[in-house]
Amino acid sequence: MSAPQDFNVDYLAQLARLALTPEEKARFAAQLGDVLHHIEQLAQVDVSGVEPTAHAFPVENVWDADVPRPGLSVADALRNAPAQRESMISVPKVVE
């Protein structure tokens, strides 16, 4: 199928930051024309009885329930800290 005249391959290549040879431009123009032709065919399909959806399958949350649990004790949290001061982890100053 020949490429339709309503799109500019040079402009599309520029938008995609592609440097195309003349052979590539001709090949991609034909391929893009085929894709646009296929889309035109899809536009002719009767979908009047199909309910619009965002996903083909139901989307469900796969996370566990958010159940509060006890956290670490202060002693456990500070156990591997390289430096600590007043029950806090002490880190070097990074902003002067």
PDB file of N, CA and C in Angstrom:
ATOM      1  N   MET A   1       0.847  -1.184   0.000  1.00  0.00           N
ATOM      2  CA  MET A   1       0.000   0.000   0.000  1.00  0.00           C
ATOM      3  C   MET A   1       0.884   1.236   0.000  1.00  0.00           C
ATOM      4  N   SER A   2       0.529   2.226  -0.749  1.00  0.00           N
ATOM      5  CA  SER A   2       1.316   3.450  -0.786  1.00  0.00           C
ATOM      6  C   SER A   2       0.995   4.311   0.428  1.00  0.00           C
ATOM      7  N   ALA A   3       1.953   5.183   0.759  1.00  0.00           N
ATOM      8  CA  ALA A   3       1.779   6.023   1.934  1.00  0.00           C
ATOM      9  C   ALA A   3       0.802   7.149   1.634  1.00  0.00           C
ATOM     10  N   PRO A   4      -0.131   7.436   2.532  1.00  0.00           N
ATOM     11  CA  PRO A   4      -1.042   8.562   2.316  1.00  0.00           C
ATOM     12  C   PRO A   4      -0.284   9.884   2.393  1.00  0.00           C
ATOM     13  N   GLN A   5      -0.851  10.911   1.812  1.00  0.00           N
ATOM     14  CA  GLN A   5      -0.177  12.201   1.730  1.00  0.00           C
ATOM     15  C   GLN A   5      -0.459  13.110   2.927  1.00  0.00           C
ATOM     16  N   ASP A   6      -1.217  12.631   3.930  1.00  0.00           N
ATOM     17  CA  ASP A   6      -1.591  13.513   5.030  1.00  0.00           C
ATOM     18  C   ASP A   6      -0.614  13.486   6.210  1.00  0.00           C
ATOM     19  N   PHE A   7       0.541  12.845   6.047  1.00  0.00           N
ATOM     20  CA  PHE A   7       1.556  12.931   7.091  1.00  0.00           C
ATOM     21  C   PHE A   7       2.924  13.113   6.441  1.00  0.00           C
ATOM     22  N   ASN A   8       3.819  13.721   7.178  1.00  0.00           N
ATOM     23  CA  ASN A   8       5.145  14.051   6.677  1.00  0.00           C
ATOM     24  C   ASN A   8       6.165  13.195   7.436  1.00  0.00           C
ATOM     25  N   VAL A   9       6.814  12.268   6.738  1.00  0.00           N
ATOM     26  CA  VAL A   9       7.766  11.362   7.383  1.00  0.00           C
ATOM     27  C   VAL A   9       8.955  12.143   7.927  1.00  0.00           C
ATOM     28  N   ASP A  10       9.389  13.175   7.223  1.00  0.00           N
ATOM     29  CA  ASP A  10      10.518  13.974   7.711  1.00  0.00           C
ATOM     30  C   ASP A  10      10.181  14.631   9.045  1.00  0.00           C
ATOM     31  N   TYR A  11       8.969  15.153   9.152  1.00  0.00           N
ATOM     32  CA  TYR A  11       8.548  15.800  10.397  1.00  0.00           C
ATOM     33  C   TYR A  11       8.443  14.778  11.525  1.00  0.00           C
ATOM     34  N   LEU A  12       7.872  13.615  11.230  1.00  0.00           N
ATOM     35  CA  LEU A  12       7.764  12.575  12.255  1.00  0.00           C
ATOM     36  C   LEU A  12       9.139  12.100  12.706  1.00  0.00           C
ATOM     37  N   ALA A  13      10.066  11.955  11.761  1.00  0.00           N
ATOM     38  CA  ALA A  13      11.426  11.538  12.114  1.00  0.00           C
ATOM     39  C   ALA A  13      12.095  12.599  12.984  1.00  0.00           C
ATOM     40  N   GLN A  14      11.849  13.864  12.681  1.00  0.00           N
ATOM     41  CA  GLN A  14      12.424  14.938  13.492  1.00  0.00           C
ATOM     42  C   GLN A  14      11.863  14.889  14.913  1.00  0.00           C
ATOM     43  N   LEU A  15      10.547  14.669  15.036  1.00  0.00           N
ATOM     44  CA  LEU A  15       9.945  14.578  16.370  1.00  0.00           C
ATOM     45  C   LEU A  15      10.526  13.419  17.168  1.00  0.00           C
ATOM     46  N   ALA A  16      10.820  12.306  16.478  1.00  0.00           N
ATOM     47  CA  ALA A  16      11.353  11.123  17.152  1.00  0.00           C
ATOM     48  C   ALA A  16      12.880  11.177  17.264  1.00  0.00           C
ATOM     49  N   ARG A  17      13.478  12.259  16.806  1.00  0.00           N
ATOM     50  CA  ARG A  17      14.938  12.418  16.839  1.00  0.00           C
ATOM     51  C   ARG A  17      15.634  11.281  16.089  1.00  0.00           C
ATOM     52  N   LEU A  18      15.116  10.968  14.876  1.00  0.00           N
ATOM     53  CA  LEU A  18      15.680   9.913  14.057  1.00  0.00           C
ATOM     54  C   LEU A  18      16.308  10.519  12.807  1.00  0.00           C
ATOM     55  N   ALA A  19      17.483  10.043  12.460  1.00  0.00           N
ATOM     56  CA  ALA A  19      18.124  10.427  11.208  1.00  0.00           C
ATOM     57  C   ALA A  19      17.903   9.271  10.239  1.00  0.00           C
ATOM     58  N   LEU A  20      17.005   9.472   9.274  1.00  0.00           N
ATOM     59  CA  LEU A  20      16.634   8.394   8.373  1.00  0.00           C
ATOM     60  C   LEU A  20      17.253   8.606   7.003  1.00  0.00           C
ATOM     61  N   THR A  21      17.645   7.510   6.391  1.00  0.00           N
ATOM     62  CA  THR A  21      18.113   7.547   5.008  1.00  0.00           C
ATOM     63  C   THR A  21      16.885   7.617   4.101  1.00  0.00           C
ATOM     64  N   PRO A  22      17.068   7.997   2.845  1.00  0.00           N
ATOM     65  CA  PRO A  22      15.915   8.026   1.925  1.00  0.00           C
ATOM     66  C   PRO A  22      15.229   6.668   1.796  1.00  0.00           C
ATOM     67  N   GLU A  23      15.988   5.581   1.838  1.00  0.00           N
ATOM     68  CA  GLU A  23      15.389   4.248   1.766  1.00  0.00           C
ATOM     69  C   GLU A  23      14.534   3.970   2.995  1.00  0.00           C
ATOM     70  N   GLU A  24      15.042   4.352   4.160  1.00  0.00           N
ATOM     71  CA  GLU A  24      14.281   4.153   5.396  1.00  0.00           C
ATOM     72  C   GLU A  24      13.008   4.999   5.397  1.00  0.00           C
ATOM     73  N   LYS A  25      13.114   6.231   4.891  1.00  0.00           N
ATOM     74  CA  LYS A  25      11.927   7.090   4.827  1.00  0.00           C
ATOM     75  C   LYS A  25      10.849   6.456   3.965  1.00  0.00           C
ATOM     76  N   ALA A  26      11.244   5.909   2.818  1.00  0.00           N
ATOM     77  CA  ALA A  26      10.267   5.285   1.925  1.00  0.00           C
ATOM     78  C   ALA A  26       9.651   4.054   2.578  1.00  0.00           C
ATOM     79  N   ARG A  27      10.495   3.230   3.224  1.00  0.00           N
ATOM     80  CA  ARG A  27       9.989   2.010   3.863  1.00  0.00           C
ATOM     81  C   ARG A  27       9.061   2.348   5.032  1.00  0.00           C
ATOM     82  N   PHE A  28       9.475   3.304   5.879  1.00  0.00           N
ATOM     83  CA  PHE A  28       8.659   3.666   7.034  1.00  0.00           C
ATOM     84  C   PHE A  28       7.374   4.370   6.616  1.00  0.00           C
ATOM     85  N   ALA A  29       7.411   5.141   5.546  1.00  0.00           N
ATOM     86  CA  ALA A  29       6.189   5.790   5.055  1.00  0.00           C
ATOM     87  C   ALA A  29       5.186   4.729   4.628  1.00  0.00           C
ATOM     88  N   ALA A  30       5.665   3.689   3.930  1.00  0.00           N
ATOM     89  CA  ALA A  30       4.771   2.609   3.505  1.00  0.00           C
ATOM     90  C   ALA A  30       4.224   1.862   4.720  1.00  0.00           C
ATOM     91  N   GLN A  31       5.090   1.584   5.705  1.00  0.00           N
ATOM     92  CA  GLN A  31       4.642   0.868   6.903  1.00  0.00           C
ATOM     93  C   GLN A  31       3.632   1.698   7.699  1.00  0.00           C
ATOM     94  N   LEU A  32       3.897   2.987   7.825  1.00  0.00           N
ATOM     95  CA  LEU A  32       2.969   3.852   8.549  1.00  0.00           C
ATOM     96  C   LEU A  32       1.639   3.942   7.803  1.00  0.00           C
ATOM     97  N   GLY A  33       1.704   3.959   6.483  1.00  0.00           N
ATOM     98  CA  GLY A  33       0.474   3.946   5.690  1.00  0.00           C
ATOM     99  C   GLY A  33      -0.332   2.680   5.944  1.00  0.00           C
ATOM    100  N   ASP A  34       0.355   1.541   6.046  1.00  0.00           N
ATOM    101  CA  ASP A  34      -0.334   0.277   6.349  1.00  0.00           C
ATOM    102  C   ASP A  34      -0.997   0.325   7.724  1.00  0.00           C
ATOM    103  N   VAL A  35      -0.306   0.884   8.693  1.00  0.00           N
ATOM    104  CA  VAL A  35      -0.866   0.992  10.048  1.00  0.00           C
ATOM    105  C   VAL A  35      -2.098   1.891  10.041  1.00  0.00           C
ATOM    106  N   LEU A  36      -2.003   3.022   9.357  1.00  0.00           N
ATOM    107  CA  LEU A  36      -3.147   3.938   9.304  1.00  0.00           C
ATOM    108  C   LEU A  36      -4.319   3.304   8.567  1.00  0.00           C
ATOM    109  N   HIS A  37      -4.041   2.516   7.545  1.00  0.00           N
ATOM    110  CA  HIS A  37      -5.107   1.807   6.835  1.00  0.00           C
ATOM    111  C   HIS A  37      -5.794   0.804   7.771  1.00  0.00           C
ATOM    112  N   HIS A  38      -5.006   0.103   8.561  1.00  0.00           N
ATOM    113  CA  HIS A  38      -5.574  -0.853   9.521  1.00  0.00           C
ATOM    114  C   HIS A  38      -6.445  -0.132  10.553  1.00  0.00           C
ATOM    115  N   ILE A  39      -6.001   1.019  11.005  1.00  0.00           N
ATOM    116  CA  ILE A  39      -6.785   1.800  11.973  1.00  0.00           C
ATOM    117  C   ILE A  39      -8.097   2.244  11.343  1.00  0.00           C
ATOM    118  N   GLU A  40      -8.071   2.609  10.065  1.00  0.00           N
ATOM    119  CA  GLU A  40      -9.311   2.975   9.382  1.00  0.00           C
ATOM    120  C   GLU A  40     -10.279   1.790   9.347  1.00  0.00           C
ATOM    121  N   GLN A  41      -9.744   0.593   9.153  1.00  0.00           N
ATOM    122  CA  GLN A  41     -10.593  -0.600   9.157  1.00  0.00           C
ATOM    123  C   GLN A  41     -11.194  -0.824  10.545  1.00  0.00           C
ATOM    124  N   LEU A  42     -10.402  -0.609  11.597  1.00  0.00           N
ATOM    125  CA  LEU A  42     -10.909  -0.778  12.957  1.00  0.00           C
ATOM    126  C   LEU A  42     -11.999   0.244  13.272  1.00  0.00           C
ATOM    127  N   ALA A  43     -11.895   1.425  12.699  1.00  0.00           N
ATOM    128  CA  ALA A  43     -12.898   2.461  12.947  1.00  0.00           C
ATOM    129  C   ALA A  43     -14.249   2.079  12.358  1.00  0.00           C
ATOM    130  N   GLN A  44     -14.277   1.151  11.414  1.00  0.00           N
ATOM    131  CA  GLN A  44     -15.524   0.746  10.783  1.00  0.00           C
ATOM    132  C   GLN A  44     -16.248  -0.364  11.558  1.00  0.00           C
ATOM    133  N   VAL A  45     -15.612  -0.925  12.574  1.00  0.00           N
ATOM    134  CA  VAL A  45     -16.206  -2.016  13.347  1.00  0.00           C
ATOM    135  C   VAL A  45     -17.339  -1.462  14.214  1.00  0.00           C
ATOM    136  N   ASP A  46     -18.467  -2.167  14.239  1.00  0.00           N
ATOM    137  CA  ASP A  46     -19.615  -1.753  15.048  1.00  0.00           C
ATOM    138  C   ASP A  46     -19.386  -2.155  16.502  1.00  0.00           C
ATOM    139  N   VAL A  47     -19.215  -1.168  17.361  1.00  0.00           N
ATOM    140  CA  VAL A  47     -18.999  -1.418  18.789  1.00  0.00           C
ATOM    141  C   VAL A  47     -20.132  -0.814  19.618  1.00  0.00           C
ATOM    142  N   SER A  48     -21.302  -0.670  19.016  1.00  0.00           N
ATOM    143  CA  SER A  48     -22.414  -0.027  19.713  1.00  0.00           C
ATOM    144  C   SER A  48     -22.867  -0.816  20.941  1.00  0.00           C
ATOM    145  N   GLY A  49     -22.703  -2.157  20.946  1.00  0.00           N
ATOM    146  CA  GLY A  49     -23.136  -2.952  22.087  1.00  0.00           C
ATOM    147  C   GLY A  49     -22.031  -3.251  23.078  1.00  0.00           C
ATOM    148  N   VAL A  50     -20.879  -2.636  22.904  1.00  0.00           N
ATOM    149  CA  VAL A  50     -19.739  -2.911  23.779  1.00  0.00           C
ATOM    150  C   VAL A  50     -19.619  -1.786  24.801  1.00  0.00           C
ATOM    151  N   GLU A  51     -19.586  -2.177  26.058  1.00  0.00           N
ATOM    152  CA  GLU A  51     -19.465  -1.185  27.126  1.00  0.00           C
ATOM    153  C   GLU A  51     -18.033  -0.660  27.184  1.00  0.00           C
ATOM    154  N   PRO A  52     -17.850   0.656  27.261  1.00  0.00           N
ATOM    155  CA  PRO A  52     -16.493   1.206  27.336  1.00  0.00           C
ATOM    156  C   PRO A  52     -15.803   0.779  28.629  1.00  0.00           C
ATOM    157  N   THR A  53     -14.551   0.401  28.519  1.00  0.00           N
ATOM    158  CA  THR A  53     -13.764  -0.001  29.686  1.00  0.00           C
ATOM    159  C   THR A  53     -12.362   0.566  29.585  1.00  0.00           C
ATOM    160  N   ALA A  54     -11.714   0.692  30.710  1.00  0.00           N
ATOM    161  CA  ALA A  54     -10.329   1.135  30.728  1.00  0.00           C
ATOM    162  C   ALA A  54      -9.387  -0.058  30.701  1.00  0.00           C
ATOM    163  N   HIS A  55      -9.862  -1.221  31.152  1.00  0.00           N
ATOM    164  CA  HIS A  55      -9.041  -2.425  31.207  1.00  0.00           C
ATOM    165  C   HIS A  55      -9.855  -3.603  30.671  1.00  0.00           C
ATOM    166  N   ALA A  56      -9.148  -4.547  30.069  1.00  0.00           N
ATOM    167  CA  ALA A  56      -9.823  -5.724  29.532  1.00  0.00           C
ATOM    168  C   ALA A  56     -10.280  -6.663  30.642  1.00  0.00           C
ATOM    169  N   PHE A  57      -9.579  -6.646  31.761  1.00  0.00           N
ATOM    170  CA  PHE A  57      -9.914  -7.515  32.886  1.00  0.00           C
ATOM    171  C   PHE A  57     -10.148  -6.651  34.114  1.00  0.00           C
ATOM    172  N   PRO A  58     -10.913  -7.138  35.088  1.00  0.00           N
ATOM    173  CA  PRO A  58     -11.116  -6.350  36.314  1.00  0.00           C
ATOM    174  C   PRO A  58      -9.786  -6.092  37.028  1.00  0.00           C
ATOM    175  N   VAL A  59      -9.623  -4.883  37.471  1.00  0.00           N
ATOM    176  CA  VAL A  59      -8.416  -4.510  38.201  1.00  0.00           C
ATOM    177  C   VAL A  59      -8.717  -4.609  39.687  1.00  0.00           C
ATOM    178  N   GLU A  60      -7.938  -5.410  40.376  1.00  0.00           N
ATOM    179  CA  GLU A  60      -8.146  -5.594  41.808  1.00  0.00           C
ATOM    180  C   GLU A  60      -6.857  -5.290  42.546  1.00  0.00           C
ATOM    181  N   ASN A  61      -7.007  -4.808  43.744  1.00  0.00           N
ATOM    182  CA  ASN A  61      -5.848  -4.522  44.575  1.00  0.00           C
ATOM    183  C   ASN A  61      -5.244  -5.838  45.053  1.00  0.00           C
ATOM    184  N   VAL A  62      -3.962  -6.021  44.836  1.00  0.00           N
ATOM    185  CA  VAL A  62      -3.313  -7.265  45.223  1.00  0.00           C
ATOM    186  C   VAL A  62      -2.510  -7.113  46.514  1.00  0.00           C
ATOM    187  N   TRP A  63      -2.610  -5.964  47.144  1.00  0.00           N
ATOM    188  CA  TRP A  63      -1.876  -5.744  48.381  1.00  0.00           C
ATOM    189  C   TRP A  63      -2.612  -6.383  49.555  1.00  0.00           C
ATOM    190  N   ASP A  64      -1.870  -6.703  50.588  1.00  0.00           N
ATOM    191  CA  ASP A  64      -2.476  -7.196  51.818  1.00  0.00           C
ATOM    192  C   ASP A  64      -3.242  -6.062  52.495  1.00  0.00           C
ATOM    193  N   ALA A  65      -4.097  -6.429  53.389  1.00  0.00           N
ATOM    194  CA  ALA A  65      -4.836  -5.426  54.149  1.00  0.00           C
ATOM    195  C   ALA A  65      -3.859  -4.614  54.995  1.00  0.00           C
ATOM    196  N   ASP A  66      -4.154  -3.346  55.136  1.00  0.00           N
ATOM    197  CA  ASP A  66      -3.302  -2.459  55.912  1.00  0.00           C
ATOM    198  C   ASP A  66      -3.662  -2.611  57.386  1.00  0.00           C
ATOM    199  N   VAL A  67      -2.939  -3.506  58.069  1.00  0.00           N
ATOM    200  CA  VAL A  67      -3.217  -3.813  59.463  1.00  0.00           C
ATOM    201  C   VAL A  67      -2.073  -3.250  60.310  1.00  0.00           C
ATOM    202  N   PRO A  68      -2.382  -2.413  61.287  1.00  0.00           N
ATOM    203  CA  PRO A  68      -1.308  -1.877  62.129  1.00  0.00           C
ATOM    204  C   PRO A  68      -0.644  -2.976  62.943  1.00  0.00           C
ATOM    205  N   ARG A  69       0.662  -2.928  62.976  1.00  0.00           N
ATOM    206  CA  ARG A  69       1.440  -3.882  63.771  1.00  0.00           C
ATOM    207  C   ARG A  69       2.475  -3.105  64.569  1.00  0.00           C
ATOM    208  N   PRO A  70       2.926  -3.673  65.654  1.00  0.00           N
ATOM    209  CA  PRO A  70       3.941  -2.966  66.435  1.00  0.00           C
ATOM    210  C   PRO A  70       5.241  -2.843  65.639  1.00  0.00           C
ATOM    211  N   GLY A  71       5.890  -1.701  65.759  1.00  0.00           N
ATOM    212  CA  GLY A  71       7.157  -1.468  65.067  1.00  0.00           C
ATOM    213  C   GLY A  71       8.336  -1.903  65.920  1.00  0.00           C
ATOM    214  N   LEU A  72       9.504  -1.466  65.500  1.00  0.00           N
ATOM    215  CA  LEU A  72      10.720  -1.787  66.247  1.00  0.00           C
ATOM    216  C   LEU A  72      10.782  -0.975  67.532  1.00  0.00           C
ATOM    217  N   SER A  73      11.360  -1.568  68.527  1.00  0.00           N
ATOM    218  CA  SER A  73      11.621  -0.793  69.744  1.00  0.00           C
ATOM    219  C   SER A  73      12.804   0.130  69.465  1.00  0.00           C
ATOM    220  N   VAL A  74      12.979   1.139  70.299  1.00  0.00           N
ATOM    221  CA  VAL A  74      14.082   2.078  70.120  1.00  0.00           C
ATOM    222  C   VAL A  74      15.411   1.338  70.175  1.00  0.00           C
ATOM    223  N   ALA A  75      15.548   0.396  71.084  1.00  0.00           N
ATOM    224  CA  ALA A  75      16.801  -0.347  71.221  1.00  0.00           C
ATOM    225  C   ALA A  75      17.091  -1.170  69.961  1.00  0.00           C
ATOM    226  N   ASP A  76      16.052  -1.806  69.403  1.00  0.00           N
ATOM    227  CA  ASP A  76      16.257  -2.590  68.185  1.00  0.00           C
ATOM    228  C   ASP A  76      16.609  -1.690  67.000  1.00  0.00           C
ATOM    229  N   ALA A  77      15.964  -0.526  66.905  1.00  0.00           N
ATOM    230  CA  ALA A  77      16.233   0.386  65.796  1.00  0.00           C
ATOM    231  C   ALA A  77      17.641   0.947  65.864  1.00  0.00           C
ATOM    232  N   LEU A  78      18.155   1.153  67.061  1.00  0.00           N
ATOM    233  CA  LEU A  78      19.490   1.736  67.221  1.00  0.00           C
ATOM    234  C   LEU A  78      20.597   0.685  67.283  1.00  0.00           C
ATOM    235  N   ARG A  79      20.250  -0.575  67.278  1.00  0.00           N
ATOM    236  CA  ARG A  79      21.231  -1.637  67.462  1.00  0.00           C
ATOM    237  C   ARG A  79      22.364  -1.574  66.425  1.00  0.00           C
ATOM    238  N   ASN A  80      22.069  -1.338  65.158  1.00  0.00           N
ATOM    239  CA  ASN A  80      23.111  -1.316  64.121  1.00  0.00           C
ATOM    240  C   ASN A  80      23.507   0.090  63.693  1.00  0.00           C
ATOM    241  N   ALA A  81      23.026   1.110  64.389  1.00  0.00           N
ATOM    242  CA  ALA A  81      23.385   2.479  64.029  1.00  0.00           C
ATOM    243  C   ALA A  81      24.860   2.717  64.317  1.00  0.00           C
ATOM    244  N   PRO A  82      25.599   3.294  63.370  1.00  0.00           N
ATOM    245  CA  PRO A  82      27.026   3.537  63.611  1.00  0.00           C
ATOM    246  C   PRO A  82      27.267   4.558  64.717  1.00  0.00           C
ATOM    247  N   ALA A  83      26.348   5.520  64.854  1.00  0.00           N
ATOM    248  CA  ALA A  83      26.471   6.511  65.926  1.00  0.00           C
ATOM    249  C   ALA A  83      25.066   6.867  66.390  1.00  0.00           C
ATOM    250  N   GLN A  84      24.940   7.097  67.697  1.00  0.00           N
ATOM    251  CA  GLN A  84      23.638   7.458  68.235  1.00  0.00           C
ATOM    252  C   GLN A  84      23.808   8.487  69.332  1.00  0.00           C
ATOM    253  N   ARG A  85      22.743   9.298  69.502  1.00  0.00           N
ATOM    254  CA  ARG A  85      22.764  10.339  70.517  1.00  0.00           C
ATOM    255  C   ARG A  85      21.339  10.591  70.955  1.00  0.00           C
ATOM    256  N   GLU A  86      21.067  10.537  72.236  1.00  0.00           N
ATOM    257  CA  GLU A  86      19.753  10.805  72.819  1.00  0.00           C
ATOM    258  C   GLU A  86      18.663   9.968  72.151  1.00  0.00           C
ATOM    259  N   SER A  87      18.878   8.683  72.026  1.00  0.00           N
ATOM    260  CA  SER A  87      17.933   7.726  71.435  1.00  0.00           C
ATOM    261  C   SER A  87      17.599   8.040  69.972  1.00  0.00           C
ATOM    262  N   MET A  88      18.568   8.612  69.258  1.00  0.00           N
ATOM    263  CA  MET A  88      18.400   8.891  67.836  1.00  0.00           C
ATOM    264  C   MET A  88      19.657   8.459  67.088  1.00  0.00           C
ATOM    265  N   ILE A  89      19.500   8.171  65.806  1.00  0.00           N
ATOM    266  CA  ILE A  89      20.653   7.872  64.957  1.00  0.00           C
ATOM    267  C   ILE A  89      21.334   9.190  64.631  1.00  0.00           C
ATOM    268  N   SER A  90      22.636   9.247  64.844  1.00  0.00           N
ATOM    269  CA  SER A  90      23.400  10.455  64.568  1.00  0.00           C
ATOM    270  C   SER A  90      24.123  10.279  63.227  1.00  0.00           C
ATOM    271  N   VAL A  91      23.938  11.273  62.337  1.00  0.00           N
ATOM    272  CA  VAL A  91      24.576  11.236  61.029  1.00  0.00           C
ATOM    273  C   VAL A  91      25.450  12.459  60.862  1.00  0.00           C
ATOM    274  N   PRO A  92      26.442  12.385  59.974  1.00  0.00           N
ATOM    275  CA  PRO A  92      27.295  13.540  59.764  1.00  0.00           C
ATOM    276  C   PRO A  92      26.530  14.690  59.119  1.00  0.00           C
ATOM    277  N   LYS A  93      26.906  15.896  59.431  1.00  0.00           N
ATOM    278  CA  LYS A  93      26.282  17.082  58.850  1.00  0.00           C
ATOM    279  C   LYS A  93      26.685  17.180  57.382  1.00  0.00           C
ATOM    280  N   VAL A  94      25.699  17.371  56.497  1.00  0.00           N
ATOM    281  CA  VAL A  94      26.012  17.423  55.073  1.00  0.00           C
ATOM    282  C   VAL A  94      25.805  18.817  54.485  1.00  0.00           C
ATOM    283  N   VAL A  95      25.172  19.707  55.209  1.00  0.00           N
ATOM    284  CA  VAL A  95      24.958  21.071  54.738  1.00  0.00           C
ATOM    285  C   VAL A  95      25.670  22.013  55.681  1.00  0.00           C
ATOM    286  N   GLU A  96      26.445  22.890  55.122  1.00  0.00           N
ATOM    287  CA  GLU A  96      27.178  23.856  55.950  1.00  0.00           C
ATOM    288  C   GLU A  96      26.356  25.090  56.206  1.00  0.00           C
TER     289      GLU A  96
END
